[in-house]
Amino acid sequence: MTVIVLTNCPPGLRGFLTRWLLEISAGVFIGNPSARIRDLLWDEVQKYADQGRALLAHTTKNEQGFTFRTYDHAWHPIDHEGLTLIRRPNDRKPPVADGRRKPGWSLASKRRRFGKG
């Protein structure tokens, strides 16, 4: 089983993939091509995706039963003790530039202290 998910890719690429895979939702393709065809399809996706993103997931003989590849995606697969996990970027910013908290009392403690809340 093979699943390819496209985001923000040209319509021609989607049309190309419908020759071998079934589009079950916008940009989501599923099918059961051979490993050689799957690799050729992935090469074409990487070549023609332009500014879009792509994700390929397919069955394989490992502990999880599947593996996946990404193209121009913010989330990256990593290997952790034989399991493939997704590493997401950390978008949270520290409270101040140097990563430390501001000195002094919090607003909640000031309100409690002076009886305004």
PDB file of N, CA and C in Angstrom:
ATOM      1  N   MET A   1       0.850  -1.174   0.000  1.00  0.00           N
ATOM      2  CA  MET A   1       0.000   0.000   0.000  1.00  0.00           C
ATOM      3  C   MET A   1       0.897   1.239   0.000  1.00  0.00           C
ATOM      4  N   THR A   2       0.540   2.193  -0.808  1.00  0.00           N
ATOM      5  CA  THR A   2       1.297   3.438  -0.926  1.00  0.00           C
ATOM      6  C   THR A   2       0.343   4.610  -0.804  1.00  0.00           C
ATOM      7  N   VAL A   3       0.734   5.618  -0.037  1.00  0.00           N
ATOM      8  CA  VAL A   3      -0.045   6.842   0.117  1.00  0.00           C
ATOM      9  C   VAL A   3       0.880   8.022  -0.158  1.00  0.00           C
ATOM     10  N   ILE A   4       0.438   8.929  -1.027  1.00  0.00           N
ATOM     11  CA  ILE A   4       1.175  10.167  -1.298  1.00  0.00           C
ATOM     12  C   ILE A   4       0.239  11.326  -1.002  1.00  0.00           C
ATOM     13  N   VAL A   5       0.734  12.284  -0.205  1.00  0.00           N
ATOM     14  CA  VAL A   5      -0.046  13.475   0.140  1.00  0.00           C
ATOM     15  C   VAL A   5       0.681  14.689  -0.408  1.00  0.00           C
ATOM     16  N   LEU A   6      -0.016  15.468  -1.231  1.00  0.00           N
ATOM     17  CA  LEU A   6       0.553  16.678  -1.826  1.00  0.00           C
ATOM     18  C   LEU A   6      -0.132  17.905  -1.249  1.00  0.00           C
ATOM     19  N   THR A   7       0.651  18.948  -1.009  1.00  0.00           N
ATOM     20  CA  THR A   7       0.127  20.219  -0.549  1.00  0.00           C
ATOM     21  C   THR A   7       0.726  21.319  -1.397  1.00  0.00           C
ATOM     22  N   ASN A   8      -0.135  22.142  -1.987  1.00  0.00           N
ATOM     23  CA  ASN A   8       0.294  23.303  -2.778  1.00  0.00           C
ATOM     24  C   ASN A   8       1.180  22.890  -3.960  1.00  0.00           C
ATOM     25  N   CYS A   9       0.784  21.843  -4.661  1.00  0.00           N
ATOM     26  CA  CYS A   9       1.531  21.348  -5.822  1.00  0.00           C
ATOM     27  C   CYS A   9       0.763  21.657  -7.102  1.00  0.00           C
ATOM     28  N   PRO A  10       1.442  21.697  -8.235  1.00  0.00           N
ATOM     29  CA  PRO A  10       0.777  21.993  -9.507  1.00  0.00           C
ATOM     30  C   PRO A  10      -0.262  20.929  -9.876  1.00  0.00           C
ATOM     31  N   PRO A  11      -1.345  21.336 -10.560  1.00  0.00           N
ATOM     32  CA  PRO A  11      -2.376  20.370 -10.966  1.00  0.00           C
ATOM     33  C   PRO A  11      -1.835  19.293 -11.907  1.00  0.00           C
ATOM     34  N   GLY A  12      -0.827  19.624 -12.699  1.00  0.00           N
ATOM     35  CA  GLY A  12      -0.256  18.633 -13.601  1.00  0.00           C
ATOM     36  C   GLY A  12       0.357  17.456 -12.874  1.00  0.00           C
ATOM     37  N   LEU A  13       0.954  17.713 -11.718  1.00  0.00           N
ATOM     38  CA  LEU A  13       1.533  16.636 -10.921  1.00  0.00           C
ATOM     39  C   LEU A  13       0.434  15.728 -10.384  1.00  0.00           C
ATOM     40  N   ARG A  14      -0.673  16.335  -9.963  1.00  0.00           N
ATOM     41  CA  ARG A  14      -1.802  15.536  -9.485  1.00  0.00           C
ATOM     42  C   ARG A  14      -2.358  14.669 -10.606  1.00  0.00           C
ATOM     43  N   GLY A  15      -2.447  15.227 -11.794  1.00  0.00           N
ATOM     44  CA  GLY A  15      -2.914  14.448 -12.938  1.00  0.00           C
ATOM     45  C   GLY A  15      -1.966  13.314 -13.284  1.00  0.00           C
ATOM     46  N   PHE A  16      -0.679  13.588 -13.158  1.00  0.00           N
ATOM     47  CA  PHE A  16       0.326  12.551 -13.423  1.00  0.00           C
ATOM     48  C   PHE A  16       0.165  11.376 -12.464  1.00  0.00           C
ATOM     49  N   LEU A  17      -0.065  11.673 -11.192  1.00  0.00           N
ATOM     50  CA  LEU A  17      -0.181  10.601 -10.192  1.00  0.00           C
ATOM     51  C   LEU A  17      -1.445   9.770 -10.367  1.00  0.00           C
ATOM     52  N   THR A  18      -2.492  10.346 -10.967  1.00  0.00           N
ATOM     53  CA  THR A  18      -3.732   9.587 -11.140  1.00  0.00           C
ATOM     54  C   THR A  18      -3.588   8.476 -12.173  1.00  0.00           C
ATOM     55  N   ARG A  19      -2.501   8.418 -12.884  1.00  0.00           N
ATOM     56  CA  ARG A  19      -2.268   7.305 -13.811  1.00  0.00           C
ATOM     57  C   ARG A  19      -2.029   5.998 -13.062  1.00  0.00           C
ATOM     58  N   TRP A  20      -1.428   6.078 -11.867  1.00  0.00           N
ATOM     59  CA  TRP A  20      -1.090   4.874 -11.102  1.00  0.00           C
ATOM     60  C   TRP A  20      -1.793   4.783  -9.764  1.00  0.00           C
ATOM     61  N   LEU A  21      -2.255   5.917  -9.245  1.00  0.00           N
ATOM     62  CA  LEU A  21      -2.860   5.923  -7.915  1.00  0.00           C
ATOM     63  C   LEU A  21      -4.262   6.516  -7.980  1.00  0.00           C
ATOM     64  N   LEU A  22      -5.074   6.241  -6.986  1.00  0.00           N
ATOM     65  CA  LEU A  22      -6.433   6.759  -6.890  1.00  0.00           C
ATOM     66  C   LEU A  22      -6.428   7.973  -5.969  1.00  0.00           C
ATOM     67  N   GLU A  23      -7.002   9.088  -6.412  1.00  0.00           N
ATOM     68  CA  GLU A  23      -7.079  10.296  -5.579  1.00  0.00           C
ATOM     69  C   GLU A  23      -8.360  10.222  -4.754  1.00  0.00           C
ATOM     70  N   ILE A  24      -8.221   9.934  -3.458  1.00  0.00           N
ATOM     71  CA  ILE A  24      -9.394   9.745  -2.603  1.00  0.00           C
ATOM     72  C   ILE A  24      -9.861  11.041  -1.960  1.00  0.00           C
ATOM     73  N   SER A  25      -9.019  12.044  -1.933  1.00  0.00           N
ATOM     74  CA  SER A  25      -9.353  13.376  -1.446  1.00  0.00           C
ATOM     75  C   SER A  25      -8.401  14.333  -2.150  1.00  0.00           C
ATOM     76  N   ALA A  26      -8.643  15.623  -2.028  1.00  0.00           N
ATOM     77  CA  ALA A  26      -7.791  16.594  -2.723  1.00  0.00           C
ATOM     78  C   ALA A  26      -6.342  16.455  -2.264  1.00  0.00           C
ATOM     79  N   GLY A  27      -5.467  16.006  -3.166  1.00  0.00           N
ATOM     80  CA  GLY A  27      -4.050  15.887  -2.866  1.00  0.00           C
ATOM     81  C   GLY A  27      -3.652  14.621  -2.142  1.00  0.00           C
ATOM     82  N   VAL A  28      -4.574  13.684  -1.911  1.00  0.00           N
ATOM     83  CA  VAL A  28      -4.273  12.434  -1.211  1.00  0.00           C
ATOM     84  C   VAL A  28      -4.457  11.283  -2.202  1.00  0.00           C
ATOM     85  N   PHE A  29      -3.349  10.580  -2.474  1.00  0.00           N
ATOM     86  CA  PHE A  29      -3.345   9.504  -3.459  1.00  0.00           C
ATOM     87  C   PHE A  29      -3.016   8.195  -2.766  1.00  0.00           C
ATOM     88  N   ILE A  30      -3.707   7.125  -3.175  1.00  0.00           N
ATOM     89  CA  ILE A  30      -3.510   5.827  -2.555  1.00  0.00           C
ATOM     90  C   ILE A  30      -3.501   4.755  -3.645  1.00  0.00           C
ATOM     91  N   GLY A  31      -2.682   3.730  -3.447  1.00  0.00           N
ATOM     92  CA  GLY A  31      -2.613   2.643  -4.419  1.00  0.00           C
ATOM     93  C   GLY A  31      -1.633   1.574  -3.975  1.00  0.00           C
ATOM     94  N   ASN A  32      -1.395   0.617  -4.878  1.00  0.00           N
ATOM     95  CA  ASN A  32      -0.500  -0.486  -4.566  1.00  0.00           C
ATOM     96  C   ASN A  32       0.444  -0.755  -5.739  1.00  0.00           C
ATOM     97  N   PRO A  33       1.261   0.250  -6.121  1.00  0.00           N
ATOM     98  CA  PRO A  33       2.200   0.005  -7.216  1.00  0.00           C
ATOM     99  C   PRO A  33       3.406  -0.798  -6.722  1.00  0.00           C
ATOM    100  N   SER A  34       4.186  -1.310  -7.655  1.00  0.00           N
ATOM    101  CA  SER A  34       5.401  -2.032  -7.278  1.00  0.00           C
ATOM    102  C   SER A  34       6.416  -1.049  -6.684  1.00  0.00           C
ATOM    103  N   ALA A  35       7.435  -1.583  -6.052  1.00  0.00           N
ATOM    104  CA  ALA A  35       8.448  -0.730  -5.420  1.00  0.00           C
ATOM    105  C   ALA A  35       9.174   0.119  -6.454  1.00  0.00           C
ATOM    106  N   ARG A  36       9.415  -0.439  -7.616  1.00  0.00           N
ATOM    107  CA  ARG A  36      10.099   0.316  -8.667  1.00  0.00           C
ATOM    108  C   ARG A  36       9.246   1.487  -9.149  1.00  0.00           C
ATOM    109  N   ILE A  37       7.972   1.244  -9.388  1.00  0.00           N
ATOM    110  CA  ILE A  37       7.065   2.312  -9.824  1.00  0.00           C
ATOM    111  C   ILE A  37       6.911   3.359  -8.717  1.00  0.00           C
ATOM    112  N   ARG A  38       6.811   2.899  -7.462  1.00  0.00           N
ATOM    113  CA  ARG A  38       6.684   3.824  -6.331  1.00  0.00           C
ATOM    114  C   ARG A  38       7.889   4.765  -6.272  1.00  0.00           C
ATOM    115  N   ASP A  39       9.090   4.239  -6.441  1.00  0.00           N
ATOM    116  CA  ASP A  39      10.290   5.076  -6.402  1.00  0.00           C
ATOM    117  C   ASP A  39      10.343   6.031  -7.583  1.00  0.00           C
ATOM    118  N   LEU A  40       9.896   5.585  -8.754  1.00  0.00           N
ATOM    119  CA  LEU A  40       9.847   6.480  -9.911  1.00  0.00           C
ATOM    120  C   LEU A  40       8.816   7.588  -9.712  1.00  0.00           C
ATOM    121  N   LEU A  41       7.676   7.248  -9.124  1.00  0.00           N
ATOM    122  CA  LEU A  41       6.660   8.265  -8.833  1.00  0.00           C
ATOM    123  C   LEU A  41       7.206   9.294  -7.845  1.00  0.00           C
ATOM    124  N   TRP A  42       7.913   8.832  -6.828  1.00  0.00           N
ATOM    125  CA  TRP A  42       8.467   9.753  -5.827  1.00  0.00           C
ATOM    126  C   TRP A  42       9.515  10.670  -6.448  1.00  0.00           C
ATOM    127  N   ASP A  43      10.319  10.150  -7.365  1.00  0.00           N
ATOM    128  CA  ASP A  43      11.288  10.991  -8.072  1.00  0.00           C
ATOM    129  C   ASP A  43      10.584  12.085  -8.864  1.00  0.00           C
ATOM    130  N   GLU A  44       9.474  11.737  -9.528  1.00  0.00           N
ATOM    131  CA  GLU A  44       8.709  12.727 -10.291  1.00  0.00           C
ATOM    132  C   GLU A  44       8.059  13.759  -9.366  1.00  0.00           C
ATOM    133  N   VAL A  45       7.575  13.312  -8.225  1.00  0.00           N
ATOM    134  CA  VAL A  45       6.975  14.244  -7.255  1.00  0.00           C
ATOM    135  C   VAL A  45       8.020  15.250  -6.798  1.00  0.00           C
ATOM    136  N   GLN A  46       9.211  14.786  -6.466  1.00  0.00           N
ATOM    137  CA  GLN A  46      10.263  15.692  -6.022  1.00  0.00           C
ATOM    138  C   GLN A  46      10.684  16.645  -7.134  1.00  0.00           C
ATOM    139  N   LYS A  47      10.651  16.176  -8.350  1.00  0.00           N
ATOM    140  CA  LYS A  47      11.086  16.989  -9.478  1.00  0.00           C
ATOM    141  C   LYS A  47      10.085  18.096  -9.813  1.00  0.00           C
ATOM    142  N   TYR A  48       8.785  17.797  -9.726  1.00  0.00           N
ATOM    143  CA  TYR A  48       7.765  18.737 -10.189  1.00  0.00           C
ATOM    144  C   TYR A  48       6.940  19.386  -9.079  1.00  0.00           C
ATOM    145  N   ALA A  49       7.303  19.215  -7.824  1.00  0.00           N
ATOM    146  CA  ALA A  49       6.511  19.774  -6.728  1.00  0.00           C
ATOM    147  C   ALA A  49       6.638  21.289  -6.626  1.00  0.00           C
ATOM    148  N   ASP A  50       7.648  21.886  -7.233  1.00  0.00           N
ATOM    149  CA  ASP A  50       7.877  23.339  -7.175  1.00  0.00           C
ATOM    150  C   ASP A  50       7.926  23.816  -5.730  1.00  0.00           C
ATOM    151  N   GLN A  51       6.985  24.674  -5.338  1.00  0.00           N
ATOM    152  CA  GLN A  51       6.991  25.233  -3.982  1.00  0.00           C
ATOM    153  C   GLN A  51       6.126  24.423  -3.029  1.00  0.00           C
ATOM    154  N   GLY A  52       5.582  23.302  -3.503  1.00  0.00           N
ATOM    155  CA  GLY A  52       4.703  22.496  -2.676  1.00  0.00           C
ATOM    156  C   GLY A  52       5.457  21.554  -1.752  1.00  0.00           C
ATOM    157  N   ARG A  53       4.675  20.826  -0.965  1.00  0.00           N
ATOM    158  CA  ARG A  53       5.222  19.830  -0.051  1.00  0.00           C
ATOM    159  C   ARG A  53       4.637  18.478  -0.398  1.00  0.00           C
ATOM    160  N   ALA A  54       5.352  17.425  -0.048  1.00  0.00           N
ATOM    161  CA  ALA A  54       4.876  16.081  -0.335  1.00  0.00           C
ATOM    162  C   ALA A  54       5.302  15.121   0.767  1.00  0.00           C
ATOM    163  N   LEU A  55       4.473  14.107   0.949  1.00  0.00           N
ATOM    164  CA  LEU A  55       4.747  13.066   1.925  1.00  0.00           C
ATOM    165  C   LEU A  55       4.393  11.727   1.292  1.00  0.00           C
ATOM    166  N   LEU A  56       5.278  10.756   1.403  1.00  0.00           N
ATOM    167  CA  LEU A  56       5.066   9.414   0.878  1.00  0.00           C
ATOM    168  C   LEU A  56       5.124   8.430   2.042  1.00  0.00           C
ATOM    169  N   ALA A  57       4.101   7.605   2.170  1.00  0.00           N
ATOM    170  CA  ALA A  57       4.085   6.536   3.179  1.00  0.00           C
ATOM    171  C   ALA A  57       3.797   5.230   2.461  1.00  0.00           C
ATOM    172  N   HIS A  58       4.555   4.184   2.786  1.00  0.00           N
ATOM    173  CA  HIS A  58       4.324   2.892   2.157  1.00  0.00           C
ATOM    174  C   HIS A  58       4.668   1.766   3.114  1.00  0.00           C
ATOM    175  N   THR A  59       4.073   0.615   2.855  1.00  0.00           N
ATOM    176  CA  THR A  59       4.308  -0.546   3.708  1.00  0.00           C
ATOM    177  C   THR A  59       5.703  -1.098   3.457  1.00  0.00           C
ATOM    178  N   THR A  60       6.272  -1.674   4.497  1.00  0.00           N
ATOM    179  CA  THR A  60       7.585  -2.300   4.404  1.00  0.00           C
ATOM    180  C   THR A  60       7.724  -3.318   5.537  1.00  0.00           C
ATOM    181  N   LYS A  61       8.758  -4.114   5.475  1.00  0.00           N
ATOM    182  CA  LYS A  61       8.969  -5.138   6.498  1.00  0.00           C
ATOM    183  C   LYS A  61       9.872  -4.583   7.587  1.00  0.00           C
ATOM    184  N   ASN A  62       9.268  -3.924   8.573  1.00  0.00           N
ATOM    185  CA  ASN A  62       9.990  -3.439   9.747  1.00  0.00           C
ATOM    186  C   ASN A  62       9.049  -3.525  10.945  1.00  0.00           C
ATOM    187  N   GLU A  63       9.476  -3.029  12.088  1.00  0.00           N
ATOM    188  CA  GLU A  63       8.673  -3.119  13.306  1.00  0.00           C
ATOM    189  C   GLU A  63       7.332  -2.411  13.172  1.00  0.00           C
ATOM    190  N   GLN A  64       7.305  -1.256  12.528  1.00  0.00           N
ATOM    191  CA  GLN A  64       6.082  -0.482  12.400  1.00  0.00           C
ATOM    192  C   GLN A  64       5.194  -0.983  11.263  1.00  0.00           C
ATOM    193  N   GLY A  65       5.775  -1.627  10.284  1.00  0.00           N
ATOM    194  CA  GLY A  65       5.011  -2.112   9.151  1.00  0.00           C
ATOM    195  C   GLY A  65       4.910  -1.105   8.019  1.00  0.00           C
ATOM    196  N   PHE A  66       5.470   0.072   8.210  1.00  0.00           N
ATOM    197  CA  PHE A  66       5.454   1.104   7.176  1.00  0.00           C
ATOM    198  C   PHE A  66       6.650   2.025   7.353  1.00  0.00           C
ATOM    199  N   THR A  67       6.907   2.821   6.342  1.00  0.00           N
ATOM    200  CA  THR A  67       7.921   3.869   6.418  1.00  0.00           C
ATOM    201  C   THR A  67       7.420   5.048   5.600  1.00  0.00           C
ATOM    202  N   PHE A  68       8.045   6.179   5.731  1.00  0.00           N
ATOM    203  CA  PHE A  68       7.611   7.343   4.981  1.00  0.00           C
ATOM    204  C   PHE A  68       8.777   8.246   4.658  1.00  0.00           C
ATOM    205  N   ARG A  69       8.555   9.091   3.656  1.00  0.00           N
ATOM    206  CA  ARG A  69       9.546  10.073   3.219  1.00  0.00           C
ATOM    207  C   ARG A  69       8.842  11.416   3.092  1.00  0.00           C
ATOM    208  N   THR A  70       9.593  12.484   3.248  1.00  0.00           N
ATOM    209  CA  THR A  70       9.018  13.817   3.106  1.00  0.00           C
ATOM    210  C   THR A  70       9.831  14.624   2.106  1.00  0.00           C
ATOM    211  N   TYR A  71       9.178  15.602   1.501  1.00  0.00           N
ATOM    212  CA  TYR A  71       9.844  16.524   0.592  1.00  0.00           C
ATOM    213  C   TYR A  71       9.424  17.937   0.960  1.00  0.00           C
ATOM    214  N   ASP A  72      10.391  18.782   1.289  1.00  0.00           N
ATOM    215  CA  ASP A  72      10.175  20.188   1.608  1.00  0.00           C
ATOM    216  C   ASP A  72       9.100  20.370   2.676  1.00  0.00           C
ATOM    217  N   HIS A  73       9.179  19.558   3.700  1.00  0.00           N
ATOM    218  CA  HIS A  73       8.201  19.552   4.777  1.00  0.00           C
ATOM    219  C   HIS A  73       8.882  20.029   6.052  1.00  0.00           C
ATOM    220  N   ALA A  74       8.163  20.772   6.891  1.00  0.00           N
ATOM    221  CA  ALA A  74       8.744  21.266   8.146  1.00  0.00           C
ATOM    222  C   ALA A  74       8.938  20.126   9.152  1.00  0.00           C
ATOM    223  N   TRP A  75       8.114  19.107   9.076  1.00  0.00           N
ATOM    224  CA  TRP A  75       8.238  17.958   9.966  1.00  0.00           C
ATOM    225  C   TRP A  75       9.123  16.925   9.284  1.00  0.00           C
ATOM    226  N   HIS A  76      10.132  16.414   9.994  1.00  0.00           N
ATOM    227  CA  HIS A  76      11.105  15.494   9.411  1.00  0.00           C
ATOM    228  C   HIS A  76      11.089  14.154  10.139  1.00  0.00           C
ATOM    229  N   PRO A  77      11.164  13.040   9.397  1.00  0.00           N
ATOM    230  CA  PRO A  77      11.256  11.734  10.056  1.00  0.00           C
ATOM    231  C   PRO A  77      12.654  11.519  10.637  1.00  0.00           C
ATOM    232  N   ILE A  78      12.698  10.954  11.828  1.00  0.00           N
ATOM    233  CA  ILE A  78      13.967  10.607  12.459  1.00  0.00           C
ATOM    234  C   ILE A  78      13.878   9.165  12.954  1.00  0.00           C
ATOM    235  N   ASP A  79      15.015   8.515  13.064  1.00  0.00           N
ATOM    236  CA  ASP A  79      15.066   7.152  13.568  1.00  0.00           C
ATOM    237  C   ASP A  79      15.375   7.202  15.058  1.00  0.00           C
ATOM    238  N   HIS A  80      14.529   6.564  15.858  1.00  0.00           N
ATOM    239  CA  HIS A  80      14.737   6.508  17.300  1.00  0.00           C
ATOM    240  C   HIS A  80      14.660   5.044  17.728  1.00  0.00           C
ATOM    241  N   GLU A  81      15.823   4.438  17.923  1.00  0.00           N
ATOM    242  CA  GLU A  81      15.938   3.054  18.354  1.00  0.00           C
ATOM    243  C   GLU A  81      15.143   2.108  17.454  1.00  0.00           C
ATOM    244  N   GLY A  82      15.230   2.319  16.156  1.00  0.00           N
ATOM    245  CA  GLY A  82      14.563   1.438  15.204  1.00  0.00           C
ATOM    246  C   GLY A  82      13.165   1.853  14.808  1.00  0.00           C
ATOM    247  N   LEU A  83      12.599   2.840  15.485  1.00  0.00           N
ATOM    248  CA  LEU A  83      11.279   3.342  15.141  1.00  0.00           C
ATOM    249  C   LEU A  83      11.423   4.687  14.438  1.00  0.00           C
ATOM    250  N   THR A  84      10.595   4.917  13.446  1.00  0.00           N
ATOM    251  CA  THR A  84      10.607   6.191  12.745  1.00  0.00           C
ATOM    252  C   THR A  84       9.585   7.105  13.401  1.00  0.00           C
ATOM    253  N   LEU A  85      10.058   8.243  13.868  1.00  0.00           N
ATOM    254  CA  LEU A  85       9.201   9.239  14.510  1.00  0.00           C
ATOM    255  C   LEU A  85       9.276  10.539  13.733  1.00  0.00           C
ATOM    256  N   ILE A  86       8.332  11.440  13.996  1.00  0.00           N
ATOM    257  CA  ILE A  86       8.298  12.738  13.331  1.00  0.00           C
ATOM    258  C   ILE A  86       8.827  13.799  14.292  1.00  0.00           C
ATOM    259  N   ARG A  87       9.775  14.581  13.820  1.00  0.00           N
ATOM    260  CA  ARG A  87      10.288  15.704  14.595  1.00  0.00           C
ATOM    261  C   ARG A  87       9.631  16.977  14.077  1.00  0.00           C
ATOM    262  N   ARG A  88       8.922  17.654  14.962  1.00  0.00           N
ATOM    263  CA  ARG A  88       8.255  18.903  14.604  1.00  0.00           C
ATOM    264  C   ARG A  88       9.127  20.071  15.044  1.00  0.00           C
ATOM    265  N   PRO A  89       9.101  21.163  14.300  1.00  0.00           N
ATOM    266  CA  PRO A  89       9.881  22.337  14.717  1.00  0.00           C
ATOM    267  C   PRO A  89       9.273  22.972  15.956  1.00  0.00           C
ATOM    268  N   ASN A  90      10.109  23.550  16.788  1.00  0.00           N
ATOM    269  CA  ASN A  90       9.665  24.236  17.995  1.00  0.00           C
ATOM    270  C   ASN A  90       9.400  25.691  17.647  1.00  0.00           C
ATOM    271  N   ASP A  91       8.117  26.077  17.636  1.00  0.00           N
ATOM    272  CA  ASP A  91       7.749  27.446  17.273  1.00  0.00           C
ATOM    273  C   ASP A  91       7.588  28.360  18.478  1.00  0.00           C
ATOM    274  N   ARG A  92       7.667  27.814  19.685  1.00  0.00           N
ATOM    275  CA  ARG A  92       7.485  28.646  20.871  1.00  0.00           C
ATOM    276  C   ARG A  92       8.701  29.529  21.106  1.00  0.00           C
ATOM    277  N   LYS A  93       8.444  30.751  21.496  1.00  0.00           N
ATOM    278  CA  LYS A  93       9.509  31.715  21.780  1.00  0.00           C
ATOM    279  C   LYS A  93       9.720  31.799  23.292  1.00  0.00           C
ATOM    280  N   PRO A  94      10.954  31.997  23.732  1.00  0.00           N
ATOM    281  CA  PRO A  94      11.178  32.194  25.158  1.00  0.00           C
ATOM    282  C   PRO A  94      10.570  33.528  25.600  1.00  0.00           C
ATOM    283  N   PRO A  95      10.261  33.692  26.896  1.00  0.00           N
ATOM    284  CA  PRO A  95       9.608  34.921  27.372  1.00  0.00           C
ATOM    285  C   PRO A  95      10.425  36.182  27.089  1.00  0.00           C
ATOM    286  N   VAL A  96      11.728  36.101  27.167  1.00  0.00           N
ATOM    287  CA  VAL A  96      12.587  37.246  26.830  1.00  0.00           C
ATOM    288  C   VAL A  96      13.720  36.748  25.954  1.00  0.00           C
ATOM    289  N   ALA A  97      14.486  37.658  25.415  1.00  0.00           N
ATOM    290  CA  ALA A  97      15.494  37.307  24.413  1.00  0.00           C
ATOM    291  C   ALA A  97      16.547  36.332  24.929  1.00  0.00           C
ATOM    292  N   ASP A  98      16.967  36.476  26.195  1.00  0.00           N
ATOM    293  CA  ASP A  98      18.037  35.601  26.684  1.00  0.00           C
ATOM    294  C   ASP A  98      17.501  34.294  27.268  1.00  0.00           C
ATOM    295  N   GLY A  99      16.172  34.070  27.216  1.00  0.00           N
ATOM    296  CA  GLY A  99      15.598  32.817  27.668  1.00  0.00           C
ATOM    297  C   GLY A  99      15.263  32.775  29.146  1.00  0.00           C
ATOM    298  N   ARG A 100      15.523  33.837  29.888  1.00  0.00           N
ATOM    299  CA  ARG A 100      15.199  33.862  31.317  1.00  0.00           C
ATOM    300  C   ARG A 100      13.880  34.580  31.530  1.00  0.00           C
ATOM    301  N   ARG A 101      13.264  34.332  32.679  1.00  0.00           N
ATOM    302  CA  ARG A 101      12.029  35.025  33.029  1.00  0.00           C
ATOM    303  C   ARG A 101      12.349  36.439  33.494  1.00  0.00           C
ATOM    304  N   LYS A 102      11.347  37.291  33.340  1.00  0.00           N
ATOM    305  CA  LYS A 102      11.519  38.660  33.809  1.00  0.00           C
ATOM    306  C   LYS A 102      11.553  38.677  35.331  1.00  0.00           C
ATOM    307  N   PRO A 103      12.384  39.520  35.937  1.00  0.00           N
ATOM    308  CA  PRO A 103      12.419  39.593  37.398  1.00  0.00           C
ATOM    309  C   PRO A 103      11.179  40.309  37.932  1.00  0.00           C
ATOM    310  N   GLY A 104      10.818  40.010  39.178  1.00  0.00           N
ATOM    311  CA  GLY A 104       9.702  40.703  39.813  1.00  0.00           C
ATOM    312  C   GLY A 104       8.492  39.813  39.989  1.00  0.00           C
ATOM    313  N   TRP A 105       7.406  40.423  40.465  1.00  0.00           N
ATOM    314  CA  TRP A 105       6.177  39.698  40.752  1.00  0.00           C
ATOM    315  C   TRP A 105       5.330  39.575  39.495  1.00  0.00           C
ATOM    316  N   SER A 106       4.565  38.502  39.421  1.00  0.00           N
ATOM    317  CA  SER A 106       3.651  38.322  38.295  1.00  0.00           C
ATOM    318  C   SER A 106       2.424  39.202  38.490  1.00  0.00           C
ATOM    319  N   LEU A 107       1.674  39.438  37.418  1.00  0.00           N
ATOM    320  CA  LEU A 107       0.461  40.256  37.510  1.00  0.00           C
ATOM    321  C   LEU A 107      -0.575  39.606  38.414  1.00  0.00           C
ATOM    322  N   ALA A 108      -0.687  38.288  38.378  1.00  0.00           N
ATOM    323  CA  ALA A 108      -1.650  37.586  39.231  1.00  0.00           C
ATOM    324  C   ALA A 108      -1.309  37.770  40.704  1.00  0.00           C
ATOM    325  N   SER A 109      -0.042  37.688  41.064  1.00  0.00           N
ATOM    326  CA  SER A 109       0.321  37.855  42.478  1.00  0.00           C
ATOM    327  C   SER A 109       0.120  39.296  42.934  1.00  0.00           C
ATOM    328  N   LYS A 110       0.332  40.255  42.045  1.00  0.00           N
ATOM    329  CA  LYS A 110       0.085  41.660  42.402  1.00  0.00           C
ATOM    330  C   LYS A 110      -1.396  41.903  42.658  1.00  0.00           C
ATOM    331  N   ARG A 111      -2.270  41.316  41.824  1.00  0.00           N
ATOM    332  CA  ARG A 111      -3.719  41.487  42.025  1.00  0.00           C
ATOM    333  C   ARG A 111      -4.166  40.856  43.333  1.00  0.00           C
ATOM    334  N   ARG A 112      -3.652  39.654  43.643  1.00  0.00           N
ATOM    335  CA  ARG A 112      -4.006  39.004  44.905  1.00  0.00           C
ATOM    336  C   ARG A 112      -3.513  39.816  46.087  1.00  0.00           C
ATOM    337  N   ARG A 113      -2.333  40.345  45.956  1.00  0.00           N
ATOM    338  CA  ARG A 113      -1.706  41.063  47.072  1.00  0.00           C
ATOM    339  C   ARG A 113      -2.457  42.340  47.417  1.00  0.00           C
ATOM    340  N   PHE A 114      -2.940  43.023  46.383  1.00  0.00           N
ATOM    341  CA  PHE A 114      -3.610  44.302  46.633  1.00  0.00           C
ATOM    342  C   PHE A 114      -5.129  44.174  46.582  1.00  0.00           C
ATOM    343  N   GLY A 115      -5.658  42.956  46.485  1.00  0.00           N
ATOM    344  CA  GLY A 115      -7.095  42.714  46.589  1.00  0.00           C
ATOM    345  C   GLY A 115      -7.892  43.202  45.390  1.00  0.00           C
ATOM    346  N   LYS A 116      -7.315  43.174  44.198  1.00  0.00           N
ATOM    347  CA  LYS A 116      -8.049  43.626  43.026  1.00  0.00           C
ATOM    348  C   LYS A 116      -8.467  42.456  42.146  1.00  0.00           C
ATOM    349  N   GLY A 117      -8.772  41.377  42.700  1.00  0.00           N
ATOM    350  CA  GLY A 117      -9.177  40.293  41.822  1.00  0.00           C
ATOM    351  C   GLY A 117      -9.233  39.037  42.513  1.00  0.00           C
TER     352      GLY A 117
END
